[in-house]
Amino acid sequence: MSSVFPGLKQIIIFISFVIASWVLIHLLAVFGVFLAVAYPLWWFLFPQQTFCLVCRAKREGEICPLCHRPVHKAEGISPKSLHSAIFNGLLIIVFSFVSLGVVFAESRVLLAVGIPSTPKTVSFVIPSKGQYTVGEIFPMKIELSNIQTAINTVQADVSFDSQKLKVVDITTNDSFANIFIQKEINNQQGYARLTGGLPNPGFAGKQGIFGTVYFEGISAGLAQVAFLPSSLVLANDGKGTDVLKDFAQAAYLILPDTEAGKASSESGQIIMHSQVLGEETQANQMFFYDENVNVLGSETQISPIPTPASTTSLKDQPSYQLLDLLSKIDQMILDFWEKITGIVLD
């Protein structure tokens, strides 16, 4: 085989050495300190089964600086004294800290190349059902939950049954965002969009309100409302990773007009107008669209973000899966020492 493929044996030896070294480094990063503490005790109980690390590394006949004797491997290379055993333990501690440093550096390199990728965890949250009357105005908050990575941009695209509902307005009161670049309402096609965000460091709360859509029931029946796949929630991770996982949907029952419904409608209009007129608008919010333009029922061109053609995901590639596994192992080791020492290693 070696004659057919010159150098194949050396390549196999090199790869085996790299794998063995990687395994040893990660084992020392986890267990090295405990091994160092146990080493002198192990030597005391089983001296002949314990070898001196420096004697092992020295050539035959050379002097071991820890044991202060010539190395004769045939006669055994156990530490000569407790002093030598303790220094061997200290040497293991040094190797352990070096190994932990290598693990930390490896995790930083993998993170720099985008491994692991920022996970998709965020969901839109809206009530799954509701009951209103024709003419009644009611709010639907655009709320995000399970935000595990800080976010800086949100595009909320909402579809609704234009035969039974219409959007009266979209407000941004109590929003975690302070910059808004787009607000579109198309009551003919049943479409609404609110796009905005905030600068670095982004929003890092577990959940937050982005805006509020005010619907009005226009005819009786069951009206479907859903967030479109063109919606986006971008992480503040330097790569603009879309972390949106779930697209909420709801079914609202619109009942025929009644006297009670008229009262609810008037109450809803009072609440909605108090916010739309700006009485509660945050002073630090900036808008880059013309709020004075009446877009209700306009022929706004709907241009959802195109979905790319079906291709093999990067995460499905074996190389990515291998690097992702390495990253998870590194993170487990770092998390282990964070819990023990309280020192944040991320």
C-alpha atoms as a PDB file:
ATOM      1  CA  MET A   1       0.000   0.000   0.000  1.00  0.00           C
ATOM      2  CA  SER A   2       2.803   2.427   0.924  1.00  0.00           C
ATOM      3  CA  SER A   3       4.549   1.710  -2.380  1.00  0.00           C
ATOM      4  CA  VAL A   4       1.394   2.512  -4.308  1.00  0.00           C
ATOM      5  CA  PHE A   5       0.658   5.652  -2.318  1.00  0.00           C
ATOM      6  CA  PRO A   6       3.974   7.168  -1.204  1.00  0.00           C
ATOM      7  CA  GLY A   7       3.711   9.008   2.068  1.00  0.00           C
ATOM      8  CA  LEU A   8       0.298   7.484   2.936  1.00  0.00           C
ATOM      9  CA  LYS A   9       1.673   5.953   6.133  1.00  0.00           C
ATOM     10  CA  GLN A  10       3.049   9.309   7.263  1.00  0.00           C
ATOM     11  CA  ILE A  11      -0.283  10.986   6.529  1.00  0.00           C
ATOM     12  CA  ILE A  12      -2.174   8.383   8.546  1.00  0.00           C
ATOM     13  CA  ILE A  13       0.288   8.744  11.433  1.00  0.00           C
ATOM     14  CA  PHE A  14      -0.054  12.544  11.333  1.00  0.00           C
ATOM     15  CA  ILE A  15      -3.862  12.429  11.312  1.00  0.00           C
ATOM     16  CA  SER A  16      -3.867   9.922  14.169  1.00  0.00           C
ATOM     17  CA  PHE A  17      -1.491  12.146  16.149  1.00  0.00           C
ATOM     18  CA  VAL A  18      -3.710  15.211  15.590  1.00  0.00           C
ATOM     19  CA  ILE A  19      -6.850  13.335  16.682  1.00  0.00           C
ATOM     20  CA  ALA A  20      -5.132  11.860  19.749  1.00  0.00           C
ATOM     21  CA  SER A  21      -3.743  15.280  20.696  1.00  0.00           C
ATOM     22  CA  TRP A  22      -7.180  16.884  20.315  1.00  0.00           C
ATOM     23  CA  VAL A  23      -8.779  14.243  22.531  1.00  0.00           C
ATOM     24  CA  LEU A  24      -6.011  14.562  25.154  1.00  0.00           C
ATOM     25  CA  ILE A  25      -6.266  18.372  25.222  1.00  0.00           C
ATOM     26  CA  HIS A  26     -10.025  18.305  25.765  1.00  0.00           C
ATOM     27  CA  LEU A  27      -9.780  15.600  28.431  1.00  0.00           C
ATOM     28  CA  LEU A  28      -7.120  17.593  30.279  1.00  0.00           C
ATOM     29  CA  ALA A  29      -9.234  20.734  29.979  1.00  0.00           C
ATOM     30  CA  VAL A  30     -11.997  18.944  31.921  1.00  0.00           C
ATOM     31  CA  PHE A  31     -10.275  16.459  34.214  1.00  0.00           C
ATOM     32  CA  GLY A  32      -6.679  17.736  34.385  1.00  0.00           C
ATOM     33  CA  VAL A  33      -7.039  19.688  37.635  1.00  0.00           C
ATOM     34  CA  PHE A  34      -8.714  16.751  39.375  1.00  0.00           C
ATOM     35  CA  LEU A  35      -6.040  14.404  38.051  1.00  0.00           C
ATOM     36  CA  ALA A  36      -3.317  16.738  39.368  1.00  0.00           C
ATOM     37  CA  VAL A  37      -4.846  16.720  42.855  1.00  0.00           C
ATOM     38  CA  ALA A  38      -5.231  12.928  42.839  1.00  0.00           C
ATOM     39  CA  TYR A  39      -1.756  12.258  41.411  1.00  0.00           C
ATOM     40  CA  PRO A  40       0.273  12.393  44.698  1.00  0.00           C
ATOM     41  CA  LEU A  41      -2.318  10.243  46.472  1.00  0.00           C
ATOM     42  CA  TRP A  42      -2.251   7.714  43.667  1.00  0.00           C
ATOM     43  CA  TRP A  43       1.554   7.623  43.832  1.00  0.00           C
ATOM     44  CA  PHE A  44       1.393   7.084  47.582  1.00  0.00           C
ATOM     45  CA  LEU A  45      -0.993   4.126  47.202  1.00  0.00           C
ATOM     46  CA  PHE A  46       0.381   2.619  43.987  1.00  0.00           C
ATOM     47  CA  PRO A  47       3.944   3.890  43.479  1.00  0.00           C
ATOM     48  CA  GLN A  48       4.968   1.228  40.951  1.00  0.00           C
ATOM     49  CA  GLN A  49       1.901   1.913  38.770  1.00  0.00           C
ATOM     50  CA  THR A  50       2.610   5.669  38.653  1.00  0.00           C
ATOM     51  CA  PHE A  51       5.116   7.103  36.199  1.00  0.00           C
ATOM     52  CA  CYS A  52       6.965  10.383  36.345  1.00  0.00           C
ATOM     53  CA  LEU A  53       5.999  12.582  33.366  1.00  0.00           C
ATOM     54  CA  VAL A  54       9.496  14.020  32.995  1.00  0.00           C
ATOM     55  CA  CYS A  55      11.156  10.590  33.242  1.00  0.00           C
ATOM     56  CA  ARG A  56       8.801   9.385  30.512  1.00  0.00           C
ATOM     57  CA  ALA A  57       9.855  12.284  28.273  1.00  0.00           C
ATOM     58  CA  LYS A  58      13.590  11.922  28.922  1.00  0.00           C
ATOM     59  CA  ARG A  59      15.874   9.644  26.976  1.00  0.00           C
ATOM     60  CA  GLU A  60      17.609   6.648  28.516  1.00  0.00           C
ATOM     61  CA  GLY A  61      20.393   7.730  30.858  1.00  0.00           C
ATOM     62  CA  GLU A  62      19.415  11.420  31.038  1.00  0.00           C
ATOM     63  CA  ILE A  63      18.917  13.058  34.423  1.00  0.00           C
ATOM     64  CA  CYS A  64      15.327  13.755  35.525  1.00  0.00           C
ATOM     65  CA  PRO A  65      15.198  17.230  37.153  1.00  0.00           C
ATOM     66  CA  LEU A  66      12.294  16.157  39.380  1.00  0.00           C
ATOM     67  CA  CYS A  67      13.602  12.788  40.560  1.00  0.00           C
ATOM     68  CA  HIS A  68      17.330  13.812  40.409  1.00  0.00           C
ATOM     69  CA  ARG A  69      18.383  10.460  38.994  1.00  0.00           C
ATOM     70  CA  PRO A  70      19.364   8.940  35.660  1.00  0.00           C
ATOM     71  CA  VAL A  71      16.447   7.577  33.696  1.00  0.00           C
ATOM     72  CA  HIS A  72      16.457   3.776  33.359  1.00  0.00           C
ATOM     73  CA  LYS A  73      13.097   2.877  31.848  1.00  0.00           C
ATOM     74  CA  ALA A  74      13.666  -0.849  32.220  1.00  0.00           C
ATOM     75  CA  GLU A  75      13.908  -0.391  36.005  1.00  0.00           C
ATOM     76  CA  GLY A  76      10.783   1.752  36.214  1.00  0.00           C
ATOM     77  CA  ILE A  77      10.159   5.468  36.036  1.00  0.00           C
ATOM     78  CA  SER A  78       7.994   5.977  39.089  1.00  0.00           C
ATOM     79  CA  PRO A  79       8.495   9.299  40.941  1.00  0.00           C
ATOM     80  CA  LYS A  80      11.331   8.887  43.418  1.00  0.00           C
ATOM     81  CA  SER A  81       9.814  10.930  46.232  1.00  0.00           C
ATOM     82  CA  LEU A  82       6.732  12.831  47.403  1.00  0.00           C
ATOM     83  CA  HIS A  83       8.483  15.998  46.275  1.00  0.00           C
ATOM     84  CA  SER A  84       8.703  14.596  42.746  1.00  0.00           C
ATOM     85  CA  ALA A  85       5.046  13.431  42.850  1.00  0.00           C
ATOM     86  CA  ILE A  86       3.853  16.909  43.889  1.00  0.00           C
ATOM     87  CA  PHE A  87       5.805  18.578  41.105  1.00  0.00           C
ATOM     88  CA  ASN A  88       4.332  16.094  38.641  1.00  0.00           C
ATOM     89  CA  GLY A  89       0.891  17.158  39.869  1.00  0.00           C
ATOM     90  CA  LEU A  90       1.796  20.835  39.356  1.00  0.00           C
ATOM     91  CA  LEU A  91       2.994  19.998  35.858  1.00  0.00           C
ATOM     92  CA  ILE A  92      -0.382  18.408  35.099  1.00  0.00           C
ATOM     93  CA  ILE A  93      -2.112  21.587  36.329  1.00  0.00           C
ATOM     94  CA  VAL A  94      -0.005  23.654  33.927  1.00  0.00           C
ATOM     95  CA  PHE A  95      -0.956  21.350  31.048  1.00  0.00           C
ATOM     96  CA  SER A  96      -4.601  21.596  32.123  1.00  0.00           C
ATOM     97  CA  PHE A  97      -4.650  25.402  32.009  1.00  0.00           C
ATOM     98  CA  VAL A  98      -2.891  25.388  28.657  1.00  0.00           C
ATOM     99  CA  SER A  99      -5.468  22.890  27.363  1.00  0.00           C
ATOM    100  CA  LEU A 100      -8.324  25.048  28.643  1.00  0.00           C
ATOM    101  CA  GLY A 101      -6.793  28.006  26.835  1.00  0.00           C
ATOM    102  CA  VAL A 102      -6.621  25.982  23.625  1.00  0.00           C
ATOM    103  CA  VAL A 103     -10.301  24.995  24.020  1.00  0.00           C
ATOM    104  CA  PHE A 104     -11.277  28.642  24.560  1.00  0.00           C
ATOM    105  CA  ALA A 105      -9.277  29.755  21.504  1.00  0.00           C
ATOM    106  CA  GLU A 106     -10.835  26.976  19.421  1.00  0.00           C
ATOM    107  CA  SER A 107     -14.336  28.087  20.434  1.00  0.00           C
ATOM    108  CA  ARG A 108     -13.534  31.713  19.481  1.00  0.00           C
ATOM    109  CA  VAL A 109     -12.234  30.664  16.063  1.00  0.00           C
ATOM    110  CA  LEU A 110     -15.322  28.562  15.368  1.00  0.00           C
ATOM    111  CA  LEU A 111     -17.564  31.423  16.497  1.00  0.00           C
ATOM    112  CA  ALA A 112     -15.707  33.827  14.200  1.00  0.00           C
ATOM    113  CA  VAL A 113     -16.475  31.655  11.170  1.00  0.00           C
ATOM    114  CA  GLY A 114     -20.147  31.382  12.117  1.00  0.00           C
ATOM    115  CA  ILE A 115     -20.242  28.102  14.030  1.00  0.00           C
ATOM    116  CA  PRO A 116     -22.508  27.545  15.734  1.00  0.00           C
ATOM    117  CA  SER A 117     -24.965  29.711  13.841  1.00  0.00           C
ATOM    118  CA  THR A 118     -27.311  31.840  15.890  1.00  0.00           C
ATOM    119  CA  PRO A 119     -30.292  29.554  16.649  1.00  0.00           C
ATOM    120  CA  LYS A 120     -33.843  30.336  15.517  1.00  0.00           C
ATOM    121  CA  THR A 121     -35.793  30.745  18.754  1.00  0.00           C
ATOM    122  CA  VAL A 122     -38.064  33.780  18.349  1.00  0.00           C
ATOM    123  CA  SER A 123     -41.814  33.461  17.884  1.00  0.00           C
ATOM    124  CA  PHE A 124     -44.617  35.919  17.186  1.00  0.00           C
ATOM    125  CA  VAL A 125     -47.254  35.684  19.896  1.00  0.00           C
ATOM    126  CA  ILE A 126     -50.908  36.643  19.330  1.00  0.00           C
ATOM    127  CA  PRO A 127     -54.130  35.351  20.917  1.00  0.00           C
ATOM    128  CA  SER A 128     -55.161  32.245  18.979  1.00  0.00           C
ATOM    129  CA  LYS A 129     -58.817  33.309  18.924  1.00  0.00           C
ATOM    130  CA  GLY A 130     -61.111  36.200  19.722  1.00  0.00           C
ATOM    131  CA  GLN A 131     -64.721  37.301  19.355  1.00  0.00           C
ATOM    132  CA  TYR A 132     -65.769  40.755  18.173  1.00  0.00           C
ATOM    133  CA  THR A 133     -68.698  42.405  16.390  1.00  0.00           C
ATOM    134  CA  VAL A 134     -69.061  44.166  13.054  1.00  0.00           C
ATOM    135  CA  GLY A 135     -67.869  47.752  13.461  1.00  0.00           C
ATOM    136  CA  GLU A 136     -65.820  46.971  16.573  1.00  0.00           C
ATOM    137  CA  ILE A 137     -62.184  48.092  16.591  1.00  0.00           C
ATOM    138  CA  PHE A 138     -59.827  45.788  18.466  1.00  0.00           C
ATOM    139  CA  PRO A 139     -56.027  45.620  18.901  1.00  0.00           C
ATOM    140  CA  MET A 140     -53.656  42.815  17.982  1.00  0.00           C
ATOM    141  CA  LYS A 141     -50.238  43.304  19.530  1.00  0.00           C
ATOM    142  CA  ILE A 142     -47.179  42.285  17.511  1.00  0.00           C
ATOM    143  CA  GLU A 143     -45.323  40.609  20.352  1.00  0.00           C
ATOM    144  CA  LEU A 144     -42.085  38.612  20.201  1.00  0.00           C
ATOM    145  CA  SER A 145     -41.173  35.902  22.686  1.00  0.00           C
ATOM    146  CA  ASN A 146     -38.266  33.580  23.511  1.00  0.00           C
ATOM    147  CA  ILE A 147     -35.619  36.093  22.435  1.00  0.00           C
ATOM    148  CA  GLN A 148     -32.355  34.386  23.382  1.00  0.00           C
ATOM    149  CA  THR A 149     -30.033  36.551  21.261  1.00  0.00           C
ATOM    150  CA  ALA A 150     -30.268  40.342  21.107  1.00  0.00           C
ATOM    151  CA  ILE A 151     -32.196  41.522  18.023  1.00  0.00           C
ATOM    152  CA  ASN A 152     -32.000  44.786  16.092  1.00  0.00           C
ATOM    153  CA  THR A 153     -34.443  44.509  13.171  1.00  0.00           C
ATOM    154  CA  VAL A 154     -38.020  43.284  12.817  1.00  0.00           C
ATOM    155  CA  GLN A 155     -40.214  43.033   9.738  1.00  0.00           C
ATOM    156  CA  ALA A 156     -43.735  41.943  10.636  1.00  0.00           C
ATOM    157  CA  ASP A 157     -45.823  40.955   7.605  1.00  0.00           C
ATOM    158  CA  VAL A 158     -49.436  40.190   8.461  1.00  0.00           C
ATOM    159  CA  SER A 159     -52.119  38.707   6.208  1.00  0.00           C
ATOM    160  CA  PHE A 160     -55.812  38.920   7.059  1.00  0.00           C
ATOM    161  CA  ASP A 161     -59.237  38.180   5.584  1.00  0.00           C
ATOM    162  CA  SER A 162     -60.046  41.410   3.757  1.00  0.00           C
ATOM    163  CA  GLN A 163     -63.689  40.356   3.389  1.00  0.00           C
ATOM    164  CA  LYS A 164     -64.240  40.405   7.144  1.00  0.00           C
ATOM    165  CA  LEU A 165     -61.522  42.690   8.515  1.00  0.00           C
ATOM    166  CA  LYS A 166     -59.748  45.901   7.694  1.00  0.00           C
ATOM    167  CA  VAL A 167     -56.736  47.523   9.332  1.00  0.00           C
ATOM    168  CA  VAL A 168     -57.530  50.925  10.801  1.00  0.00           C
ATOM    169  CA  ASP A 169     -53.943  51.693  11.767  1.00  0.00           C
ATOM    170  CA  ILE A 170     -50.659  50.274  13.092  1.00  0.00           C
ATOM    171  CA  THR A 171     -49.208  52.027  16.136  1.00  0.00           C
ATOM    172  CA  THR A 172     -45.799  51.760  17.784  1.00  0.00           C
ATOM    173  CA  ASN A 173     -46.669  52.776  21.335  1.00  0.00           C
ATOM    174  CA  ASP A 174     -44.723  50.844  23.992  1.00  0.00           C
ATOM    175  CA  SER A 175     -42.505  49.345  21.261  1.00  0.00           C
ATOM    176  CA  PHE A 176     -38.986  48.267  22.153  1.00  0.00           C
ATOM    177  CA  ALA A 177     -37.905  49.644  18.746  1.00  0.00           C
ATOM    178  CA  ASN A 178     -37.213  53.327  18.173  1.00  0.00           C
ATOM    179  CA  ILE A 179     -36.572  53.465  14.418  1.00  0.00           C
ATOM    180  CA  PHE A 180     -39.311  52.616  11.914  1.00  0.00           C
ATOM    181  CA  ILE A 181     -38.685  52.610   8.172  1.00  0.00           C
ATOM    182  CA  GLN A 182     -41.846  51.115   6.718  1.00  0.00           C
ATOM    183  CA  LYS A 183     -45.561  50.914   7.450  1.00  0.00           C
ATOM    184  CA  GLU A 184     -47.809  49.494   4.748  1.00  0.00           C
ATOM    185  CA  ILE A 185     -51.526  48.759   4.873  1.00  0.00           C
ATOM    186  CA  ASN A 186     -53.472  47.239   1.980  1.00  0.00           C
ATOM    187  CA  ASN A 187     -57.062  46.492   2.875  1.00  0.00           C
ATOM    188  CA  GLN A 188     -57.880  45.313  -0.668  1.00  0.00           C
ATOM    189  CA  GLN A 189     -55.359  42.490  -0.618  1.00  0.00           C
ATOM    190  CA  GLY A 190     -55.426  41.863   3.149  1.00  0.00           C
ATOM    191  CA  TYR A 191     -51.829  42.765   3.897  1.00  0.00           C
ATOM    192  CA  ALA A 192     -49.990  44.897   6.467  1.00  0.00           C
ATOM    193  CA  ARG A 193     -46.304  45.431   7.194  1.00  0.00           C
ATOM    194  CA  LEU A 194     -44.346  47.178   9.933  1.00  0.00           C
ATOM    195  CA  THR A 195     -40.565  47.332   9.680  1.00  0.00           C
ATOM    196  CA  GLY A 196     -38.185  48.849  12.215  1.00  0.00           C
ATOM    197  CA  GLY A 197     -35.586  48.204  14.846  1.00  0.00           C
ATOM    198  CA  LEU A 198     -32.999  49.822  17.052  1.00  0.00           C
ATOM    199  CA  PRO A 199     -29.216  50.355  16.993  1.00  0.00           C
ATOM    200  CA  ASN A 200     -26.509  48.374  18.766  1.00  0.00           C
ATOM    201  CA  PRO A 201     -26.671  46.626  21.248  1.00  0.00           C
ATOM    202  CA  GLY A 202     -30.209  45.836  20.106  1.00  0.00           C
ATOM    203  CA  PHE A 203     -33.050  44.504  22.232  1.00  0.00           C
ATOM    204  CA  ALA A 204     -32.133  41.714  24.632  1.00  0.00           C
ATOM    205  CA  GLY A 205     -35.328  41.199  26.619  1.00  0.00           C
ATOM    206  CA  LYS A 206     -36.911  37.750  26.730  1.00  0.00           C
ATOM    207  CA  GLN A 207     -40.043  39.160  25.097  1.00  0.00           C
ATOM    208  CA  GLY A 208     -41.249  42.521  23.871  1.00  0.00           C
ATOM    209  CA  ILE A 209     -43.926  44.407  21.959  1.00  0.00           C
ATOM    210  CA  PHE A 210     -42.966  45.665  18.503  1.00  0.00           C
ATOM    211  CA  GLY A 211     -46.237  47.326  17.507  1.00  0.00           C
ATOM    212  CA  THR A 212     -50.018  47.056  17.560  1.00  0.00           C
ATOM    213  CA  VAL A 213     -52.356  46.421  14.624  1.00  0.00           C
ATOM    214  CA  TYR A 214     -55.892  47.831  15.000  1.00  0.00           C
ATOM    215  CA  PHE A 215     -58.500  45.798  13.126  1.00  0.00           C
ATOM    216  CA  GLU A 216     -62.139  46.615  12.510  1.00  0.00           C
ATOM    217  CA  GLY A 217     -64.726  43.948  11.814  1.00  0.00           C
ATOM    218  CA  ILE A 218     -66.535  44.717   8.548  1.00  0.00           C
ATOM    219  CA  SER A 219     -68.663  41.593   8.019  1.00  0.00           C
ATOM    220  CA  ALA A 220     -69.766  38.611  10.068  1.00  0.00           C
ATOM    221  CA  GLY A 221     -67.890  35.317   9.893  1.00  0.00           C
ATOM    222  CA  LEU A 222     -64.613  33.642  10.857  1.00  0.00           C
ATOM    223  CA  ALA A 223     -61.605  35.786   9.910  1.00  0.00           C
ATOM    224  CA  GLN A 224     -58.104  34.328   9.653  1.00  0.00           C
ATOM    225  CA  VAL A 225     -55.041  36.402  10.613  1.00  0.00           C
ATOM    226  CA  ALA A 226     -51.473  35.123  10.188  1.00  0.00           C
ATOM    227  CA  PHE A 227     -47.871  36.274  10.018  1.00  0.00           C
ATOM    228  CA  LEU A 228     -46.346  35.653   6.603  1.00  0.00           C
ATOM    229  CA  PRO A 229     -43.092  33.724   5.970  1.00  0.00           C
ATOM    230  CA  SER A 230     -41.615  36.961   4.604  1.00  0.00           C
ATOM    231  CA  SER A 231     -41.496  38.255   8.197  1.00  0.00           C
ATOM    232  CA  LEU A 232     -38.022  38.684   9.654  1.00  0.00           C
ATOM    233  CA  VAL A 233     -36.376  39.046  13.053  1.00  0.00           C
ATOM    234  CA  LEU A 234     -32.662  39.744  12.683  1.00  0.00           C
ATOM    235  CA  ALA A 235     -30.152  39.080  15.453  1.00  0.00           C
ATOM    236  CA  ASN A 236     -27.627  41.687  16.546  1.00  0.00           C
ATOM    237  CA  ASP A 237     -24.844  39.146  15.990  1.00  0.00           C
ATOM    238  CA  GLY A 238     -22.851  40.952  13.314  1.00  0.00           C
ATOM    239  CA  LYS A 239     -24.237  38.642  10.616  1.00  0.00           C
ATOM    240  CA  GLY A 240     -27.897  39.674  10.587  1.00  0.00           C
ATOM    241  CA  THR A 241     -29.071  36.101  11.232  1.00  0.00           C
ATOM    242  CA  ASP A 242     -32.816  35.594  10.915  1.00  0.00           C
ATOM    243  CA  VAL A 243     -33.822  34.056  14.258  1.00  0.00           C
ATOM    244  CA  LEU A 244     -37.583  33.906  13.633  1.00  0.00           C
ATOM    245  CA  LYS A 245     -38.805  30.357  14.225  1.00  0.00           C
ATOM    246  CA  ASP A 246     -42.615  30.377  14.346  1.00  0.00           C
ATOM    247  CA  PHE A 247     -45.283  32.351  12.460  1.00  0.00           C
ATOM    248  CA  ALA A 248     -48.344  32.785  14.655  1.00  0.00           C
ATOM    249  CA  GLN A 249     -51.888  32.713  13.346  1.00  0.00           C
ATOM    250  CA  ALA A 250     -55.318  33.317  14.812  1.00  0.00           C
ATOM    251  CA  ALA A 251     -59.008  33.010  13.984  1.00  0.00           C
ATOM    252  CA  TYR A 252     -61.329  35.865  15.014  1.00  0.00           C
ATOM    253  CA  LEU A 253     -65.094  35.392  15.060  1.00  0.00           C
ATOM    254  CA  ILE A 254     -66.862  38.521  13.824  1.00  0.00           C
ATOM    255  CA  LEU A 255     -70.486  38.647  14.996  1.00  0.00           C
ATOM    256  CA  PRO A 256     -73.316  40.670  13.444  1.00  0.00           C
ATOM    257  CA  ASP A 257     -73.763  44.260  14.608  1.00  0.00           C
ATOM    258  CA  THR A 258     -75.630  44.713  17.905  1.00  0.00           C
ATOM    259  CA  GLU A 259     -76.158  47.521  20.396  1.00  0.00           C
ATOM    260  CA  ALA A 260     -73.454  45.986  22.593  1.00  0.00           C
ATOM    261  CA  GLY A 261     -71.209  45.814  19.551  1.00  0.00           C
ATOM    262  CA  LYS A 262     -71.716  49.511  18.838  1.00  0.00           C
ATOM    263  CA  ALA A 263     -70.715  50.334  22.407  1.00  0.00           C
ATOM    264  CA  SER A 264     -67.596  48.156  22.087  1.00  0.00           C
ATOM    265  CA  SER A 265     -66.787  49.845  18.774  1.00  0.00           C
ATOM    266  CA  GLU A 266     -67.051  53.318  20.268  1.00  0.00           C
ATOM    267  CA  SER A 267     -64.842  52.247  23.181  1.00  0.00           C
ATOM    268  CA  GLY A 268     -62.302  50.773  20.777  1.00  0.00           C
ATOM    269  CA  GLN A 269     -62.229  53.940  18.690  1.00  0.00           C
ATOM    270  CA  ILE A 270     -61.590  56.066  21.779  1.00  0.00           C
ATOM    271  CA  ILE A 271     -58.646  53.863  22.800  1.00  0.00           C
ATOM    272  CA  MET A 272     -57.262  53.621  19.276  1.00  0.00           C
ATOM    273  CA  HIS A 273     -57.571  57.340  18.484  1.00  0.00           C
ATOM    274  CA  SER A 274     -55.918  58.340  21.759  1.00  0.00           C
ATOM    275  CA  GLN A 275     -52.848  56.416  20.617  1.00  0.00           C
ATOM    276  CA  VAL A 276     -52.990  57.193  16.919  1.00  0.00           C
ATOM    277  CA  LEU A 277     -53.149  60.943  17.619  1.00  0.00           C
ATOM    278  CA  GLY A 278     -49.761  60.630  19.280  1.00  0.00           C
ATOM    279  CA  GLU A 279     -50.686  61.285  22.879  1.00  0.00           C
ATOM    280  CA  GLU A 280     -48.706  58.217  23.991  1.00  0.00           C
ATOM    281  CA  THR A 281     -46.092  58.021  21.247  1.00  0.00           C
ATOM    282  CA  GLN A 282     -42.554  57.646  22.561  1.00  0.00           C
ATOM    283  CA  ALA A 283     -40.525  60.825  22.137  1.00  0.00           C
ATOM    284  CA  ASN A 284     -37.381  58.986  21.054  1.00  0.00           C
ATOM    285  CA  GLN A 285     -38.985  57.156  18.144  1.00  0.00           C
ATOM    286  CA  MET A 286     -37.962  58.091  14.599  1.00  0.00           C
ATOM    287  CA  PHE A 287     -40.069  57.425  11.512  1.00  0.00           C
ATOM    288  CA  PHE A 288     -38.710  57.270   7.977  1.00  0.00           C
ATOM    289  CA  TYR A 289     -42.064  57.059   6.234  1.00  0.00           C
ATOM    290  CA  ASP A 290     -44.755  59.674   5.807  1.00  0.00           C
ATOM    291  CA  GLU A 291     -47.286  59.110   8.586  1.00  0.00           C
ATOM    292  CA  ASN A 292     -49.580  61.756   7.069  1.00  0.00           C
ATOM    293  CA  VAL A 293     -50.244  59.694   3.958  1.00  0.00           C
ATOM    294  CA  ASN A 294     -53.545  57.827   4.194  1.00  0.00           C
ATOM    295  CA  VAL A 295     -52.636  54.284   3.236  1.00  0.00           C
ATOM    296  CA  LEU A 296     -55.897  52.704   4.340  1.00  0.00           C
ATOM    297  CA  GLY A 297     -57.144  50.674   1.413  1.00  0.00           C
ATOM    298  CA  SER A 298     -54.418  51.929  -0.887  1.00  0.00           C
ATOM    299  CA  GLU A 299     -53.038  49.827  -3.728  1.00  0.00           C
ATOM    300  CA  THR A 300     -49.740  49.270  -1.999  1.00  0.00           C
ATOM    301  CA  GLN A 301     -47.512  46.921  -3.939  1.00  0.00           C
ATOM    302  CA  ILE A 302     -46.892  43.813  -1.894  1.00  0.00           C
ATOM    303  CA  SER A 303     -43.380  42.528  -2.372  1.00  0.00           C
ATOM    304  CA  PRO A 304     -42.604  39.852   0.193  1.00  0.00           C
ATOM    305  CA  ILE A 305     -39.035  38.669   0.420  1.00  0.00           C
ATOM    306  CA  PRO A 306     -38.557  35.873  -2.108  1.00  0.00           C
ATOM    307  CA  THR A 307     -37.913  32.415  -0.812  1.00  0.00           C
ATOM    308  CA  PRO A 308     -34.666  30.995  -2.210  1.00  0.00           C
ATOM    309  CA  ALA A 309     -34.799  27.865  -4.309  1.00  0.00           C
ATOM    310  CA  SER A 310     -34.497  24.605  -2.484  1.00  0.00           C
ATOM    311  CA  THR A 311     -30.820  23.910  -1.971  1.00  0.00           C
ATOM    312  CA  THR A 312     -28.747  21.836   0.386  1.00  0.00           C
ATOM    313  CA  SER A 313     -28.484  23.710   3.653  1.00  0.00           C
ATOM    314  CA  LEU A 314     -25.025  24.484   4.961  1.00  0.00           C
ATOM    315  CA  LYS A 315     -26.054  22.819   8.219  1.00  0.00           C
ATOM    316  CA  ASP A 316     -26.654  19.561   6.342  1.00  0.00           C
ATOM    317  CA  GLN A 317     -23.083  19.344   5.109  1.00  0.00           C
ATOM    318  CA  PRO A 318     -20.836  16.856   6.991  1.00  0.00           C
ATOM    319  CA  SER A 319     -18.073  19.431   7.469  1.00  0.00           C
ATOM    320  CA  TYR A 320     -20.473  21.855   9.146  1.00  0.00           C
ATOM    321  CA  GLN A 321     -21.913  19.126  11.355  1.00  0.00           C
ATOM    322  CA  LEU A 322     -18.399  18.118  12.453  1.00  0.00           C
ATOM    323  CA  LEU A 323     -17.410  21.696  13.293  1.00  0.00           C
ATOM    324  CA  ASP A 324     -20.736  22.230  15.039  1.00  0.00           C
ATOM    325  CA  LEU A 325     -20.039  19.142  17.172  1.00  0.00           C
ATOM    326  CA  LEU A 326     -16.591  20.524  18.079  1.00  0.00           C
ATOM    327  CA  SER A 327     -18.208  23.819  19.034  1.00  0.00           C
ATOM    328  CA  LYS A 328     -20.731  22.083  21.284  1.00  0.00           C
ATOM    329  CA  ILE A 329     -17.956  20.111  23.023  1.00  0.00           C
ATOM    330  CA  ASP A 330     -15.963  23.314  23.589  1.00  0.00           C
ATOM    331  CA  GLN A 331     -19.026  25.088  24.966  1.00  0.00           C
ATOM    332  CA  MET A 332     -19.797  22.202  27.327  1.00  0.00           C
ATOM    333  CA  ILE A 333     -16.260  22.402  28.733  1.00  0.00           C
ATOM    334  CA  LEU A 334     -16.426  26.199  29.133  1.00  0.00           C
ATOM    335  CA  ASP A 335     -19.874  25.999  30.741  1.00  0.00           C
ATOM    336  CA  PHE A 336     -18.553  23.348  33.137  1.00  0.00           C
ATOM    337  CA  TRP A 337     -15.798  25.631  34.427  1.00  0.00           C
ATOM    338  CA  GLU A 338     -18.095  28.658  34.511  1.00  0.00           C
ATOM    339  CA  LYS A 339     -20.426  26.802  36.887  1.00  0.00           C
ATOM    340  CA  ILE A 340     -17.536  25.732  39.125  1.00  0.00           C
ATOM    341  CA  THR A 341     -15.563  28.990  39.211  1.00  0.00           C
ATOM    342  CA  GLY A 342     -18.247  31.577  38.452  1.00  0.00           C
ATOM    343  CA  ILE A 343     -15.908  33.112  35.870  1.00  0.00           C
ATOM    344  CA  VAL A 344     -17.604  33.844  32.547  1.00  0.00           C
ATOM    345  CA  LEU A 345     -15.512  32.372  29.747  1.00  0.00           C
ATOM    346  CA  ASP A 346     -17.734  33.403  26.788  1.00  0.00           C
END
